[in-house]
């Protein structure tokens, strides 16, 4: 097995690093799902509006009404899609991480910005998760288990120790680097207590 270098070309020490371009696509796909439902409804209503048999019914001209409904849904789709895309882009632009001397720092948030520092000495484990869509895109999610959470894995709601999507090679390097730094600090801490 190749030894992992102590620095990764994409992660400079003590400066903030973005998650990667593919992560933007993941954020977009997560945020536009509701607009895709509206697009499907729009298509169905447009198809219904083209049915000539619905022009003269007991309820009136249903084809015309379906056409108006389709236009309304299309307008709603554009608005929801634009809001979802903007939210995804802002989330991506504002999510950064940095490897400091003594902690992993994560900046995130659009309106409520926060900066979290996870000391290396508190890191118990670093898990990499890859669901099917992440595997297809060559991405990984990093879940950091810290002291005080030994019995439970961090969830999306308890997202202090989560990097939502990184390139696979960067995630593997970061996992090894965080575990190495956590072990170095634990050894240093234990040596200081013994002295």
N, C-alpha and C. Protein backbone atom coordinates (compact mmCIF):
# COMPACT_ATOMS: atom_id res chain seq x y z
N UNK A 1 0.84 -1.18 0.00
CA UNK A 1 0.00 0.00 0.00
C UNK A 1 0.88 1.24 0.00
N UNK A 2 0.52 2.21 -0.83
CA UNK A 2 1.31 3.43 -0.91
C UNK A 2 1.13 4.26 0.35
N UNK A 3 2.22 4.89 0.78
CA UNK A 3 2.12 5.78 1.93
C UNK A 3 1.46 7.08 1.49
N UNK A 4 0.55 7.57 2.30
CA UNK A 4 -0.16 8.80 1.97
C UNK A 4 0.71 9.98 2.37
N UNK A 5 0.92 10.93 1.45
CA UNK A 5 1.76 12.07 1.79
C UNK A 5 1.12 12.92 2.89
N UNK A 6 1.95 13.67 3.62
CA UNK A 6 1.43 14.49 4.73
C UNK A 6 0.68 15.71 4.23
N UNK A 7 0.88 16.09 3.00
CA UNK A 7 0.10 17.20 2.44
C UNK A 7 -0.59 16.71 1.18
N UNK A 8 -1.74 17.26 0.94
CA UNK A 8 -2.50 16.95 -0.27
C UNK A 8 -2.44 18.19 -1.15
N UNK A 9 -2.21 18.05 -2.45
CA UNK A 9 -2.07 19.24 -3.29
C UNK A 9 -3.28 20.16 -3.26
N UNK A 10 -4.45 19.62 -2.95
CA UNK A 10 -5.65 20.45 -2.93
C UNK A 10 -5.99 21.03 -1.58
N UNK A 11 -5.24 20.70 -0.53
CA UNK A 11 -5.55 21.17 0.81
C UNK A 11 -4.35 21.85 1.43
N UNK A 12 -4.22 23.17 1.24
CA UNK A 12 -3.12 23.88 1.88
C UNK A 12 -3.34 23.97 3.39
N UNK A 13 -2.27 23.96 4.14
CA UNK A 13 -2.33 24.03 5.60
C UNK A 13 -2.81 25.42 6.03
N UNK A 14 -3.70 25.48 7.02
CA UNK A 14 -4.17 26.71 7.65
C UNK A 14 -4.90 27.68 6.71
N UNK A 15 -5.37 27.23 5.56
CA UNK A 15 -6.23 28.06 4.72
C UNK A 15 -7.49 27.27 4.41
N UNK A 16 -8.57 27.97 4.19
CA UNK A 16 -9.84 27.29 3.97
C UNK A 16 -9.93 26.75 2.54
N UNK A 17 -10.51 25.55 2.44
CA UNK A 17 -10.60 24.82 1.18
C UNK A 17 -12.07 24.53 0.90
N UNK A 18 -12.49 24.71 -0.35
CA UNK A 18 -13.86 24.39 -0.76
C UNK A 18 -14.00 22.88 -0.90
N UNK A 19 -15.23 22.42 -0.99
CA UNK A 19 -15.49 20.98 -1.03
C UNK A 19 -15.23 20.35 -2.39
N UNK A 20 -15.24 21.07 -3.48
CA UNK A 20 -15.01 20.51 -4.81
C UNK A 20 -16.20 20.77 -5.72
N UNK A 21 -15.94 20.81 -7.02
CA UNK A 21 -16.98 21.18 -7.99
C UNK A 21 -18.12 20.16 -8.04
N UNK A 22 -17.81 18.89 -7.88
CA UNK A 22 -18.87 17.87 -7.94
C UNK A 22 -19.85 18.02 -6.78
N UNK A 23 -19.37 18.56 -5.68
CA UNK A 23 -20.22 18.77 -4.51
C UNK A 23 -21.35 19.74 -4.83
N UNK A 24 -21.07 20.73 -5.66
CA UNK A 24 -22.12 21.67 -6.07
C UNK A 24 -23.27 20.92 -6.73
N UNK A 25 -22.96 19.96 -7.59
CA UNK A 25 -24.01 19.17 -8.26
C UNK A 25 -24.82 18.37 -7.25
N UNK A 26 -24.17 17.81 -6.24
CA UNK A 26 -24.90 17.07 -5.20
C UNK A 26 -25.85 18.01 -4.46
N UNK A 27 -25.37 19.19 -4.09
CA UNK A 27 -26.21 20.16 -3.40
C UNK A 27 -27.40 20.57 -4.28
N UNK A 28 -27.15 20.77 -5.58
CA UNK A 28 -28.23 21.16 -6.49
C UNK A 28 -29.27 20.05 -6.58
N UNK A 29 -28.82 18.80 -6.78
CA UNK A 29 -29.77 17.68 -6.89
C UNK A 29 -30.59 17.52 -5.61
N UNK A 30 -30.00 17.78 -4.46
CA UNK A 30 -30.73 17.68 -3.20
C UNK A 30 -31.78 18.76 -3.07
N UNK A 31 -31.53 19.94 -3.61
CA UNK A 31 -32.42 21.08 -3.39
C UNK A 31 -33.50 21.25 -4.47
N UNK A 32 -33.36 20.60 -5.61
CA UNK A 32 -34.34 20.83 -6.69
C UNK A 32 -35.36 19.70 -6.82
N UNK A 33 -35.41 18.79 -5.89
CA UNK A 33 -36.33 17.66 -6.00
C UNK A 33 -37.79 18.11 -6.04
N UNK A 34 -38.14 19.09 -5.23
CA UNK A 34 -39.53 19.59 -5.22
C UNK A 34 -39.88 20.22 -6.57
N UNK A 35 -38.92 20.91 -7.17
CA UNK A 35 -39.21 21.53 -8.46
C UNK A 35 -39.37 20.47 -9.55
N UNK A 36 -38.74 19.33 -9.41
CA UNK A 36 -38.90 18.26 -10.40
C UNK A 36 -40.32 17.69 -10.36
N UNK A 37 -40.92 17.64 -9.17
CA UNK A 37 -42.31 17.20 -9.05
C UNK A 37 -43.21 18.19 -9.79
N UNK A 38 -42.95 19.47 -9.61
CA UNK A 38 -43.73 20.49 -10.32
C UNK A 38 -43.55 20.38 -11.84
N UNK A 39 -42.35 20.06 -12.27
CA UNK A 39 -42.12 19.89 -13.71
C UNK A 39 -42.92 18.70 -14.24
N UNK A 40 -42.96 17.62 -13.49
CA UNK A 40 -43.73 16.45 -13.90
C UNK A 40 -45.22 16.79 -13.99
N UNK A 41 -45.74 17.52 -13.01
CA UNK A 41 -47.15 17.93 -13.04
C UNK A 41 -47.40 18.85 -14.24
N UNK A 42 -46.46 19.74 -14.55
CA UNK A 42 -46.59 20.63 -15.70
C UNK A 42 -46.70 19.83 -17.00
N UNK A 43 -45.84 18.84 -17.15
CA UNK A 43 -45.87 18.00 -18.36
C UNK A 43 -47.20 17.28 -18.49
N UNK A 44 -47.69 16.70 -17.38
CA UNK A 44 -48.97 15.98 -17.41
C UNK A 44 -50.10 16.93 -17.80
N UNK A 45 -50.11 18.12 -17.22
CA UNK A 45 -51.17 19.08 -17.54
C UNK A 45 -51.09 19.55 -18.99
N UNK A 46 -49.88 19.71 -19.53
CA UNK A 46 -49.76 20.08 -20.95
C UNK A 46 -50.28 18.97 -21.85
N UNK A 47 -50.00 17.73 -21.49
CA UNK A 47 -50.50 16.60 -22.29
C UNK A 47 -52.03 16.56 -22.23
N UNK A 48 -52.58 16.77 -21.04
CA UNK A 48 -54.04 16.79 -20.89
C UNK A 48 -54.65 17.94 -21.69
N UNK A 49 -53.98 19.09 -21.72
CA UNK A 49 -54.53 20.24 -22.46
C UNK A 49 -54.56 20.00 -23.96
N UNK A 50 -53.79 19.06 -24.45
CA UNK A 50 -53.77 18.75 -25.88
C UNK A 50 -54.86 17.76 -26.28
N UNK A 51 -55.59 17.22 -25.33
CA UNK A 51 -56.64 16.25 -25.62
C UNK A 51 -57.88 16.99 -26.13
N UNK A 52 -58.21 16.77 -27.39
CA UNK A 52 -59.36 17.46 -28.00
C UNK A 52 -60.68 16.96 -27.42
N UNK A 53 -60.70 15.76 -26.89
CA UNK A 53 -61.95 15.23 -26.35
C UNK A 53 -62.37 15.97 -25.07
N UNK A 54 -61.48 16.74 -24.48
CA UNK A 54 -61.80 17.45 -23.24
C UNK A 54 -62.25 18.89 -23.47
N UNK A 55 -62.40 19.29 -24.75
CA UNK A 55 -62.80 20.67 -25.02
C UNK A 55 -64.29 20.89 -24.76
N UNK A 56 -65.11 19.89 -25.00
CA UNK A 56 -66.56 20.04 -24.79
C UNK A 56 -67.02 18.96 -23.82
N UNK A 57 -67.02 19.31 -22.54
CA UNK A 57 -67.50 18.39 -21.51
C UNK A 57 -68.60 19.10 -20.72
N UNK A 58 -69.21 18.35 -19.83
CA UNK A 58 -70.26 18.93 -18.99
C UNK A 58 -69.69 19.97 -18.03
N UNK A 59 -68.41 19.84 -17.73
CA UNK A 59 -67.75 20.78 -16.82
C UNK A 59 -67.15 21.98 -17.56
N UNK A 60 -67.26 22.02 -18.86
CA UNK A 60 -66.71 23.10 -19.66
C UNK A 60 -65.49 22.64 -20.43
N UNK A 61 -64.64 23.58 -20.80
CA UNK A 61 -63.45 23.29 -21.59
C UNK A 61 -62.29 22.91 -20.66
N UNK A 62 -62.20 21.61 -20.35
CA UNK A 62 -61.16 21.12 -19.44
C UNK A 62 -59.77 21.21 -20.05
N UNK A 63 -59.68 21.13 -21.36
CA UNK A 63 -58.38 21.23 -22.02
C UNK A 63 -57.80 22.64 -21.80
N UNK A 64 -58.65 23.65 -21.92
CA UNK A 64 -58.21 25.02 -21.69
C UNK A 64 -57.78 25.22 -20.23
N UNK A 65 -58.59 24.68 -19.30
CA UNK A 65 -58.27 24.79 -17.88
C UNK A 65 -56.95 24.07 -17.56
N UNK A 66 -56.73 22.93 -18.16
CA UNK A 66 -55.47 22.20 -17.94
C UNK A 66 -54.29 22.99 -18.50
N UNK A 67 -54.50 23.66 -19.62
CA UNK A 67 -53.44 24.50 -20.19
C UNK A 67 -53.07 25.65 -19.27
N UNK A 68 -54.08 26.29 -18.69
CA UNK A 68 -53.82 27.37 -17.72
C UNK A 68 -53.12 26.82 -16.47
N UNK A 69 -53.56 25.66 -16.01
CA UNK A 69 -52.91 25.03 -14.86
C UNK A 69 -51.45 24.68 -15.16
N UNK A 70 -51.20 24.22 -16.39
CA UNK A 70 -49.84 23.89 -16.79
C UNK A 70 -48.95 25.12 -16.80
N UNK A 71 -49.48 26.25 -17.30
CA UNK A 71 -48.70 27.49 -17.29
C UNK A 71 -48.40 27.95 -15.87
N UNK A 72 -49.40 27.83 -14.98
CA UNK A 72 -49.19 28.18 -13.57
C UNK A 72 -48.14 27.29 -12.92
N UNK A 73 -48.23 26.00 -13.19
CA UNK A 73 -47.24 25.06 -12.64
C UNK A 73 -45.85 25.33 -13.22
N UNK A 74 -45.78 25.69 -14.48
CA UNK A 74 -44.49 25.99 -15.10
C UNK A 74 -43.86 27.21 -14.43
N UNK A 75 -44.66 28.23 -14.19
CA UNK A 75 -44.16 29.42 -13.51
C UNK A 75 -43.69 29.08 -12.09
N UNK A 76 -44.48 28.29 -11.39
CA UNK A 76 -44.10 27.86 -10.04
C UNK A 76 -42.83 27.01 -10.07
N UNK A 77 -42.70 26.15 -11.09
CA UNK A 77 -41.48 25.34 -11.25
C UNK A 77 -40.25 26.22 -11.40
N UNK A 78 -40.34 27.24 -12.25
CA UNK A 78 -39.20 28.14 -12.48
C UNK A 78 -38.79 28.84 -11.18
N UNK A 79 -39.78 29.29 -10.42
CA UNK A 79 -39.48 29.99 -9.16
C UNK A 79 -38.84 29.05 -8.15
N UNK A 80 -39.43 27.88 -7.95
CA UNK A 80 -38.90 26.92 -6.97
C UNK A 80 -37.52 26.43 -7.40
N UNK A 81 -37.33 26.19 -8.70
CA UNK A 81 -36.03 25.74 -9.20
C UNK A 81 -34.97 26.82 -8.96
N UNK A 82 -35.30 28.07 -9.26
CA UNK A 82 -34.34 29.17 -9.07
C UNK A 82 -33.96 29.32 -7.59
N UNK A 83 -34.95 29.24 -6.71
CA UNK A 83 -34.67 29.34 -5.27
C UNK A 83 -33.80 28.16 -4.82
N UNK A 84 -34.13 26.94 -5.26
CA UNK A 84 -33.34 25.77 -4.89
C UNK A 84 -31.92 25.84 -5.42
N UNK A 85 -31.77 26.30 -6.66
CA UNK A 85 -30.43 26.44 -7.25
C UNK A 85 -29.62 27.48 -6.50
N UNK A 86 -30.23 28.61 -6.19
CA UNK A 86 -29.53 29.66 -5.46
C UNK A 86 -29.13 29.20 -4.06
N UNK A 87 -30.03 28.49 -3.37
CA UNK A 87 -29.71 27.97 -2.03
C UNK A 87 -28.56 26.97 -2.11
N UNK A 88 -28.56 26.10 -3.12
CA UNK A 88 -27.48 25.13 -3.28
C UNK A 88 -26.16 25.82 -3.55
N UNK A 89 -26.16 26.81 -4.42
CA UNK A 89 -24.94 27.52 -4.76
C UNK A 89 -24.39 28.27 -3.54
N UNK A 90 -25.28 28.94 -2.79
CA UNK A 90 -24.84 29.67 -1.59
C UNK A 90 -24.31 28.71 -0.52
N UNK A 91 -24.97 27.57 -0.35
CA UNK A 91 -24.49 26.56 0.60
C UNK A 91 -23.10 26.09 0.20
N UNK A 92 -22.91 25.81 -1.08
CA UNK A 92 -21.61 25.35 -1.58
C UNK A 92 -20.53 26.41 -1.38
N UNK A 93 -20.84 27.66 -1.73
CA UNK A 93 -19.84 28.73 -1.62
C UNK A 93 -19.46 29.01 -0.17
N UNK A 94 -20.36 28.76 0.77
CA UNK A 94 -20.11 29.09 2.17
C UNK A 94 -19.68 27.90 3.02
N UNK A 95 -19.47 26.73 2.42
CA UNK A 95 -19.03 25.54 3.17
C UNK A 95 -17.55 25.32 2.85
N UNK A 96 -16.70 25.52 3.85
CA UNK A 96 -15.26 25.37 3.66
C UNK A 96 -14.66 24.67 4.88
N UNK A 97 -13.50 24.06 4.71
CA UNK A 97 -12.82 23.43 5.83
C UNK A 97 -11.33 23.74 5.77
N UNK A 98 -10.69 23.63 6.93
CA UNK A 98 -9.27 23.93 7.03
C UNK A 98 -8.63 23.00 8.05
N UNK A 99 -7.42 22.55 7.75
CA UNK A 99 -6.64 21.76 8.71
C UNK A 99 -5.71 22.72 9.44
N UNK A 100 -6.05 23.02 10.68
CA UNK A 100 -5.22 23.90 11.48
C UNK A 100 -4.15 23.11 12.21
N UNK A 101 -3.39 23.79 13.05
CA UNK A 101 -2.35 23.12 13.82
C UNK A 101 -2.92 22.14 14.83
N UNK A 102 -4.06 22.50 15.45
CA UNK A 102 -4.59 21.64 16.50
C UNK A 102 -6.05 21.24 16.30
N UNK A 103 -6.67 21.66 15.18
CA UNK A 103 -8.07 21.29 14.97
C UNK A 103 -8.46 21.38 13.49
N UNK A 104 -9.52 20.63 13.17
CA UNK A 104 -10.17 20.74 11.87
C UNK A 104 -11.22 21.84 12.02
N UNK A 105 -11.18 22.83 11.14
CA UNK A 105 -12.13 23.94 11.21
C UNK A 105 -13.08 23.83 10.02
N UNK A 106 -14.37 24.01 10.32
CA UNK A 106 -15.40 23.95 9.29
C UNK A 106 -16.22 25.23 9.36
N UNK A 107 -16.30 25.94 8.23
CA UNK A 107 -17.15 27.13 8.10
C UNK A 107 -18.35 26.74 7.25
N UNK A 108 -19.55 27.17 7.69
CA UNK A 108 -20.75 26.87 6.91
C UNK A 108 -21.86 27.84 7.29
N UNK A 109 -22.87 27.85 6.45
CA UNK A 109 -24.04 28.67 6.73
C UNK A 109 -24.24 29.76 5.70
N UNK A 110 -25.53 30.06 5.43
CA UNK A 110 -25.86 31.12 4.48
C UNK A 110 -26.21 32.38 5.27
N UNK A 111 -27.27 32.34 6.03
CA UNK A 111 -27.65 33.49 6.85
C UNK A 111 -27.06 33.37 8.26
N UNK A 112 -27.15 32.20 8.83
CA UNK A 112 -26.58 31.93 10.15
C UNK A 112 -25.23 31.25 9.96
N UNK A 113 -24.21 32.04 9.83
CA UNK A 113 -22.88 31.49 9.59
C UNK A 113 -22.30 30.97 10.90
N UNK A 114 -21.60 29.85 10.80
CA UNK A 114 -20.94 29.30 11.96
C UNK A 114 -19.58 28.74 11.57
N UNK A 115 -18.69 28.76 12.53
CA UNK A 115 -17.37 28.16 12.34
C UNK A 115 -17.16 27.19 13.49
N UNK A 116 -16.95 25.94 13.14
CA UNK A 116 -16.79 24.88 14.12
C UNK A 116 -15.33 24.43 14.09
N UNK A 117 -14.74 24.27 15.26
CA UNK A 117 -13.39 23.74 15.36
C UNK A 117 -13.48 22.41 16.10
N UNK A 118 -13.01 21.35 15.47
CA UNK A 118 -13.00 20.03 16.09
C UNK A 118 -11.55 19.70 16.43
N UNK A 119 -11.20 19.76 17.72
CA UNK A 119 -9.81 19.46 18.10
C UNK A 119 -9.45 18.03 17.73
N UNK A 120 -8.24 17.86 17.23
CA UNK A 120 -7.80 16.53 16.83
C UNK A 120 -7.84 15.55 18.00
N UNK A 121 -7.57 16.05 19.22
CA UNK A 121 -7.53 15.17 20.39
C UNK A 121 -8.90 14.57 20.70
N UNK A 122 -10.00 15.20 20.21
CA UNK A 122 -11.35 14.68 20.47
C UNK A 122 -11.82 13.71 19.39
N UNK A 123 -11.10 13.59 18.30
CA UNK A 123 -11.52 12.71 17.21
C UNK A 123 -11.30 11.26 17.61
N UNK A 124 -12.38 10.48 17.63
CA UNK A 124 -12.32 9.06 17.96
C UNK A 124 -12.23 8.19 16.70
N UNK A 125 -12.95 8.61 15.65
CA UNK A 125 -12.97 7.83 14.40
C UNK A 125 -13.40 8.74 13.26
N UNK A 126 -12.99 8.38 12.05
CA UNK A 126 -13.38 9.11 10.85
C UNK A 126 -13.90 8.08 9.85
N UNK A 127 -15.19 8.14 9.56
CA UNK A 127 -15.82 7.20 8.64
C UNK A 127 -16.03 7.84 7.28
N UNK A 128 -15.91 7.02 6.25
CA UNK A 128 -16.21 7.46 4.89
C UNK A 128 -17.45 6.70 4.42
N UNK A 129 -18.43 7.43 3.92
CA UNK A 129 -19.65 6.82 3.39
C UNK A 129 -19.78 7.15 1.92
N UNK A 130 -20.18 6.14 1.15
CA UNK A 130 -20.41 6.34 -0.29
C UNK A 130 -21.68 5.59 -0.68
N UNK A 131 -22.76 6.33 -0.90
CA UNK A 131 -23.94 5.67 -1.44
C UNK A 131 -23.77 5.54 -2.95
N UNK A 132 -24.76 4.97 -3.60
CA UNK A 132 -24.63 4.66 -5.03
C UNK A 132 -24.36 5.90 -5.88
N UNK A 133 -25.10 6.99 -5.62
CA UNK A 133 -24.90 8.20 -6.42
C UNK A 133 -23.52 8.80 -6.18
N UNK A 134 -23.01 8.72 -4.94
CA UNK A 134 -21.68 9.21 -4.65
C UNK A 134 -20.63 8.35 -5.35
N UNK A 135 -20.83 7.04 -5.38
CA UNK A 135 -19.89 6.15 -6.07
C UNK A 135 -19.82 6.49 -7.56
N UNK A 136 -20.98 6.76 -8.16
CA UNK A 136 -21.01 7.08 -9.59
C UNK A 136 -20.27 8.38 -9.89
N UNK A 137 -20.31 9.33 -8.96
CA UNK A 137 -19.67 10.62 -9.17
C UNK A 137 -18.25 10.68 -8.60
N UNK A 138 -17.80 9.61 -7.94
CA UNK A 138 -16.46 9.58 -7.35
C UNK A 138 -16.35 10.46 -6.12
N UNK A 139 -17.43 10.50 -5.32
CA UNK A 139 -17.47 11.33 -4.12
C UNK A 139 -17.59 10.49 -2.86
N UNK A 140 -17.30 11.10 -1.73
CA UNK A 140 -17.43 10.46 -0.42
C UNK A 140 -17.93 11.47 0.59
N UNK A 141 -18.62 10.97 1.61
CA UNK A 141 -19.04 11.80 2.74
C UNK A 141 -18.18 11.39 3.92
N UNK A 142 -17.65 12.37 4.65
CA UNK A 142 -16.82 12.08 5.81
C UNK A 142 -17.64 12.38 7.07
N UNK A 143 -17.71 11.39 7.97
CA UNK A 143 -18.40 11.53 9.25
C UNK A 143 -17.33 11.41 10.33
N UNK A 144 -17.22 12.44 11.16
CA UNK A 144 -16.19 12.48 12.20
C UNK A 144 -16.85 12.19 13.55
N UNK A 145 -16.42 11.12 14.18
CA UNK A 145 -16.92 10.74 15.49
C UNK A 145 -16.00 11.33 16.55
N UNK A 146 -16.56 12.17 17.43
CA UNK A 146 -15.75 12.85 18.44
C UNK A 146 -16.02 12.27 19.82
N UNK A 147 -15.16 12.62 20.76
CA UNK A 147 -15.35 12.19 22.14
C UNK A 147 -16.70 12.69 22.64
N UNK A 148 -17.41 11.84 23.36
CA UNK A 148 -18.75 12.19 23.81
C UNK A 148 -19.82 11.61 22.91
N UNK A 149 -19.44 11.14 21.74
CA UNK A 149 -20.37 10.49 20.81
C UNK A 149 -19.90 9.09 20.49
N UNK A 150 -19.26 8.41 21.47
CA UNK A 150 -18.67 7.10 21.18
C UNK A 150 -19.71 6.07 20.77
N UNK A 151 -20.92 6.14 21.38
CA UNK A 151 -21.93 5.11 21.12
C UNK A 151 -22.80 5.41 19.92
N UNK A 152 -22.74 6.62 19.40
CA UNK A 152 -23.62 6.98 18.30
C UNK A 152 -22.84 7.59 17.15
N UNK A 153 -23.27 7.29 15.96
CA UNK A 153 -22.65 7.88 14.77
C UNK A 153 -23.30 9.23 14.52
N UNK A 154 -22.51 10.21 14.05
CA UNK A 154 -23.11 11.51 13.75
C UNK A 154 -24.14 11.37 12.63
N UNK A 155 -25.22 12.11 12.74
CA UNK A 155 -26.24 12.09 11.69
C UNK A 155 -26.21 13.43 10.97
N UNK A 156 -27.03 13.55 9.93
CA UNK A 156 -27.10 14.82 9.20
C UNK A 156 -27.58 15.94 10.11
N UNK A 157 -28.46 15.63 11.08
CA UNK A 157 -28.96 16.65 11.99
C UNK A 157 -27.88 17.09 12.98
N UNK A 158 -27.04 16.13 13.40
CA UNK A 158 -25.93 16.42 14.32
C UNK A 158 -24.67 16.56 13.48
N UNK A 159 -24.67 17.60 12.62
CA UNK A 159 -23.69 17.67 11.53
C UNK A 159 -22.39 18.38 11.88
N UNK A 160 -22.04 18.46 13.15
CA UNK A 160 -20.81 19.14 13.52
C UNK A 160 -19.60 18.48 12.86
N UNK A 161 -19.60 17.17 12.78
CA UNK A 161 -18.45 16.46 12.23
C UNK A 161 -18.71 15.83 10.89
N UNK A 162 -19.36 16.54 9.98
CA UNK A 162 -19.65 15.98 8.66
C UNK A 162 -19.13 16.90 7.57
N UNK A 163 -18.40 16.32 6.64
CA UNK A 163 -18.08 17.01 5.39
C UNK A 163 -18.93 16.31 4.34
N UNK A 164 -19.95 16.98 3.81
CA UNK A 164 -21.00 16.30 3.05
C UNK A 164 -20.57 15.63 1.75
N UNK A 165 -19.59 16.15 1.05
CA UNK A 165 -19.19 15.52 -0.20
C UNK A 165 -17.80 16.02 -0.61
N UNK A 166 -16.88 15.08 -0.75
CA UNK A 166 -15.52 15.37 -1.20
C UNK A 166 -15.14 14.36 -2.27
N UNK A 167 -14.18 14.73 -3.12
CA UNK A 167 -13.66 13.76 -4.07
C UNK A 167 -13.12 12.56 -3.31
N UNK A 168 -13.24 11.38 -3.90
CA UNK A 168 -12.88 10.13 -3.22
C UNK A 168 -11.44 10.14 -2.72
N UNK A 169 -10.49 10.54 -3.55
CA UNK A 169 -9.08 10.51 -3.13
C UNK A 169 -8.81 11.53 -2.03
N UNK A 170 -9.44 12.70 -2.10
CA UNK A 170 -9.28 13.70 -1.06
C UNK A 170 -9.88 13.20 0.25
N UNK A 171 -11.03 12.54 0.19
CA UNK A 171 -11.68 12.01 1.40
C UNK A 171 -10.80 10.95 2.06
N UNK A 172 -10.21 10.07 1.25
CA UNK A 172 -9.34 9.03 1.82
C UNK A 172 -8.10 9.64 2.44
N UNK A 173 -7.52 10.65 1.77
CA UNK A 173 -6.36 11.32 2.33
C UNK A 173 -6.72 12.03 3.63
N UNK A 174 -7.86 12.74 3.62
CA UNK A 174 -8.29 13.49 4.80
C UNK A 174 -8.58 12.55 5.96
N UNK A 175 -9.19 11.41 5.69
CA UNK A 175 -9.45 10.43 6.75
C UNK A 175 -8.13 10.00 7.40
N UNK A 176 -7.16 9.61 6.58
CA UNK A 176 -5.87 9.18 7.11
C UNK A 176 -5.17 10.32 7.86
N UNK A 177 -5.24 11.53 7.33
CA UNK A 177 -4.58 12.67 7.96
C UNK A 177 -5.22 13.01 9.31
N UNK A 178 -6.55 13.01 9.37
CA UNK A 178 -7.23 13.32 10.64
C UNK A 178 -6.93 12.26 11.69
N UNK A 179 -6.95 10.99 11.30
CA UNK A 179 -6.65 9.93 12.25
C UNK A 179 -5.19 10.01 12.72
N UNK A 180 -4.30 10.35 11.80
CA UNK A 180 -2.89 10.49 12.16
C UNK A 180 -2.71 11.64 13.15
N UNK A 181 -3.31 12.76 12.86
CA UNK A 181 -3.18 13.92 13.75
C UNK A 181 -3.85 13.65 15.10
N UNK A 182 -4.98 12.93 15.09
CA UNK A 182 -5.65 12.60 16.34
C UNK A 182 -4.76 11.70 17.19
N UNK A 183 -4.10 10.73 16.57
CA UNK A 183 -3.21 9.83 17.30
C UNK A 183 -1.98 10.56 17.80
N UNK A 184 -1.43 11.47 17.02
CA UNK A 184 -0.25 12.23 17.44
C UNK A 184 -0.60 13.07 18.66
N UNK A 185 -1.76 13.73 18.63
CA UNK A 185 -2.14 14.57 19.77
C UNK A 185 -2.42 13.72 21.00
N UNK A 186 -3.01 12.54 20.83
CA UNK A 186 -3.28 11.67 21.97
C UNK A 186 -1.98 11.21 22.59
N UNK A 187 -1.00 10.86 21.76
CA UNK A 187 0.29 10.43 22.27
C UNK A 187 0.98 11.58 22.98
N UNK A 188 0.96 12.77 22.39
CA UNK A 188 1.57 13.94 23.01
C UNK A 188 0.89 14.27 24.33
N UNK A 189 -0.43 14.19 24.36
CA UNK A 189 -1.20 14.46 25.56
C UNK A 189 -0.87 13.45 26.66
N UNK A 190 -0.79 12.16 26.30
CA UNK A 190 -0.46 11.11 27.26
C UNK A 190 0.95 11.29 27.81
N UNK A 191 1.90 11.71 26.96
CA UNK A 191 3.27 11.91 27.38
C UNK A 191 3.36 13.07 28.36
N UNK A 192 2.58 14.14 28.13
CA UNK A 192 2.59 15.29 29.03
C UNK A 192 2.03 14.91 30.40
N UNK A 193 0.99 14.05 30.43
CA UNK A 193 0.40 13.62 31.69
C UNK A 193 1.38 12.76 32.48
N UNK A 194 2.16 11.94 31.77
CA UNK A 194 3.12 11.05 32.43
C UNK A 194 4.29 11.82 33.03
N UNK A 195 4.64 12.97 32.43
CA UNK A 195 5.81 13.74 32.90
C UNK A 195 5.56 14.55 34.12
